[in-house]
Amino acid sequence: MIQYLKQVGVFLKDEYLTDLDAGKAFELLTGYSQNTLRQDLGKFYQFENKENLKRLHQTFSQVIHLIEAQQK
């Protein structure tokens, strides 16, 4: 997920946002340890499978739906 957010400009480029910093941010958002998250950031490709991508798409679709509902 972080890779996609970086690609669309939600997160700063690598020279401004280290994996450690991203781990700290996601620790606050998720409650998972920053060390666990930081270590997993480098392995994002291992989680890029059809089922996980489908779930990620569903999650973002729900967020988009909530945003669109607020605009009405």
C-alpha atoms as a PDB file:
ATOM      1  CA  MET A   1       0.000   0.000   0.000  1.00  0.00           C
ATOM      2  CA  ILE A   2       2.780   2.426   0.854  1.00  0.00           C
ATOM      3  CA  GLN A   3       4.319   1.943  -2.593  1.00  0.00           C
ATOM      4  CA  TYR A   4       1.044   2.962  -4.242  1.00  0.00           C
ATOM      5  CA  LEU A   5       0.676   5.988  -1.989  1.00  0.00           C
ATOM      6  CA  LYS A   6       4.225   7.027  -2.855  1.00  0.00           C
ATOM      7  CA  GLN A   7       3.531   6.616  -6.574  1.00  0.00           C
ATOM      8  CA  VAL A   8       0.523   8.951  -6.477  1.00  0.00           C
ATOM      9  CA  GLY A   9       2.352  11.545  -4.395  1.00  0.00           C
ATOM     10  CA  VAL A  10       0.664  11.039  -1.021  1.00  0.00           C
ATOM     11  CA  PHE A  11       4.032  10.331   0.587  1.00  0.00           C
ATOM     12  CA  LEU A  12       7.272  12.139  -0.017  1.00  0.00           C
ATOM     13  CA  LYS A  13       9.921  10.605  -2.228  1.00  0.00           C
ATOM     14  CA  ASP A  14      12.460   8.229  -0.693  1.00  0.00           C
ATOM     15  CA  GLU A  15      15.058  10.924  -0.156  1.00  0.00           C
ATOM     16  CA  TYR A  16      12.616  12.737   2.149  1.00  0.00           C
ATOM     17  CA  LEU A  17      10.804   9.786   3.724  1.00  0.00           C
ATOM     18  CA  THR A  18      12.833   6.913   5.115  1.00  0.00           C
ATOM     19  CA  ASP A  19      11.358   3.495   5.793  1.00  0.00           C
ATOM     20  CA  LEU A  20      11.859   4.228   9.503  1.00  0.00           C
ATOM     21  CA  ASP A  21       9.800   7.426   9.246  1.00  0.00           C
ATOM     22  CA  ALA A  22       7.079   5.645   7.297  1.00  0.00           C
ATOM     23  CA  GLY A  23       7.129   2.891   9.933  1.00  0.00           C
ATOM     24  CA  LYS A  24       6.595   5.465  12.684  1.00  0.00           C
ATOM     25  CA  ALA A  25       3.689   7.025  10.813  1.00  0.00           C
ATOM     26  CA  PHE A  26       1.997   3.705  10.192  1.00  0.00           C
ATOM     27  CA  GLU A  27       2.584   2.639  13.795  1.00  0.00           C
ATOM     28  CA  LEU A  28       0.446   5.591  14.823  1.00  0.00           C
ATOM     29  CA  LEU A  29      -2.191   4.739  12.249  1.00  0.00           C
ATOM     30  CA  THR A  30      -2.317   0.977  12.758  1.00  0.00           C
ATOM     31  CA  GLY A  31      -0.986   0.211  16.216  1.00  0.00           C
ATOM     32  CA  TYR A  32       1.593  -2.188  14.769  1.00  0.00           C
ATOM     33  CA  SER A  33       5.210  -1.799  15.915  1.00  0.00           C
ATOM     34  CA  GLN A  34       7.241   0.584  13.763  1.00  0.00           C
ATOM     35  CA  ASN A  35      10.067  -1.950  13.647  1.00  0.00           C
ATOM     36  CA  THR A  36       7.769  -4.639  12.286  1.00  0.00           C
ATOM     37  CA  LEU A  37       6.319  -2.278   9.720  1.00  0.00           C
ATOM     38  CA  ARG A  38       9.685  -0.811   8.738  1.00  0.00           C
ATOM     39  CA  GLN A  39      11.107  -4.267   8.116  1.00  0.00           C
ATOM     40  CA  ASP A  40       8.077  -5.244   6.054  1.00  0.00           C
ATOM     41  CA  LEU A  41       8.234  -2.109   3.887  1.00  0.00           C
ATOM     42  CA  GLY A  42      11.178  -3.485   2.001  1.00  0.00           C
ATOM     43  CA  LYS A  43       9.296  -6.712   1.299  1.00  0.00           C
ATOM     44  CA  PHE A  44       6.125  -5.152  -0.111  1.00  0.00           C
ATOM     45  CA  TYR A  45       6.463  -7.181  -3.315  1.00  0.00           C
ATOM     46  CA  GLN A  46       5.955 -10.390  -1.307  1.00  0.00           C
ATOM     47  CA  PHE A  47       2.422  -9.273  -0.471  1.00  0.00           C
ATOM     48  CA  GLU A  48       1.526  -8.194  -3.996  1.00  0.00           C
ATOM     49  CA  ASN A  49      -0.709 -11.058  -4.939  1.00  0.00           C
ATOM     50  CA  LYS A  50      -4.135 -11.163  -6.547  1.00  0.00           C
ATOM     51  CA  GLU A  51      -6.101 -11.531  -3.313  1.00  0.00           C
ATOM     52  CA  ASN A  52      -4.255  -8.755  -1.467  1.00  0.00           C
ATOM     53  CA  LEU A  53      -4.549  -6.402  -4.434  1.00  0.00           C
ATOM     54  CA  LYS A  54      -8.286  -7.145  -4.600  1.00  0.00           C
ATOM     55  CA  ARG A  55      -8.676  -6.327  -0.908  1.00  0.00           C
ATOM     56  CA  LEU A  56      -6.627  -3.152  -1.291  1.00  0.00           C
ATOM     57  CA  HIS A  57      -8.839  -2.105  -4.204  1.00  0.00           C
ATOM     58  CA  GLN A  58     -11.955  -2.722  -2.099  1.00  0.00           C
ATOM     59  CA  THR A  59     -10.534  -0.647   0.753  1.00  0.00           C
ATOM     60  CA  PHE A  60      -9.689   2.295  -1.480  1.00  0.00           C
ATOM     61  CA  SER A  61     -13.097   2.018  -3.158  1.00  0.00           C
ATOM     62  CA  GLN A  62     -14.769   2.304   0.250  1.00  0.00           C
ATOM     63  CA  VAL A  63     -12.690   5.396   1.040  1.00  0.00           C
ATOM     64  CA  ILE A  64     -13.629   6.933  -2.312  1.00  0.00           C
ATOM     65  CA  HIS A  65     -17.294   6.184  -1.641  1.00  0.00           C
ATOM     66  CA  LEU A  66     -17.105   7.942   1.749  1.00  0.00           C
ATOM     67  CA  ILE A  67     -15.429  10.980   0.192  1.00  0.00           C
ATOM     68  CA  GLU A  68     -18.013  11.170  -2.577  1.00  0.00           C
ATOM     69  CA  ALA A  69     -20.852  10.928  -0.030  1.00  0.00           C
ATOM     70  CA  GLN A  70     -19.399  13.909   1.851  1.00  0.00           C
ATOM     71  CA  GLN A  71     -19.377  15.991  -1.336  1.00  0.00           C
ATOM     72  CA  LYS A  72     -23.140  15.664  -1.865  1.00  0.00           C
END
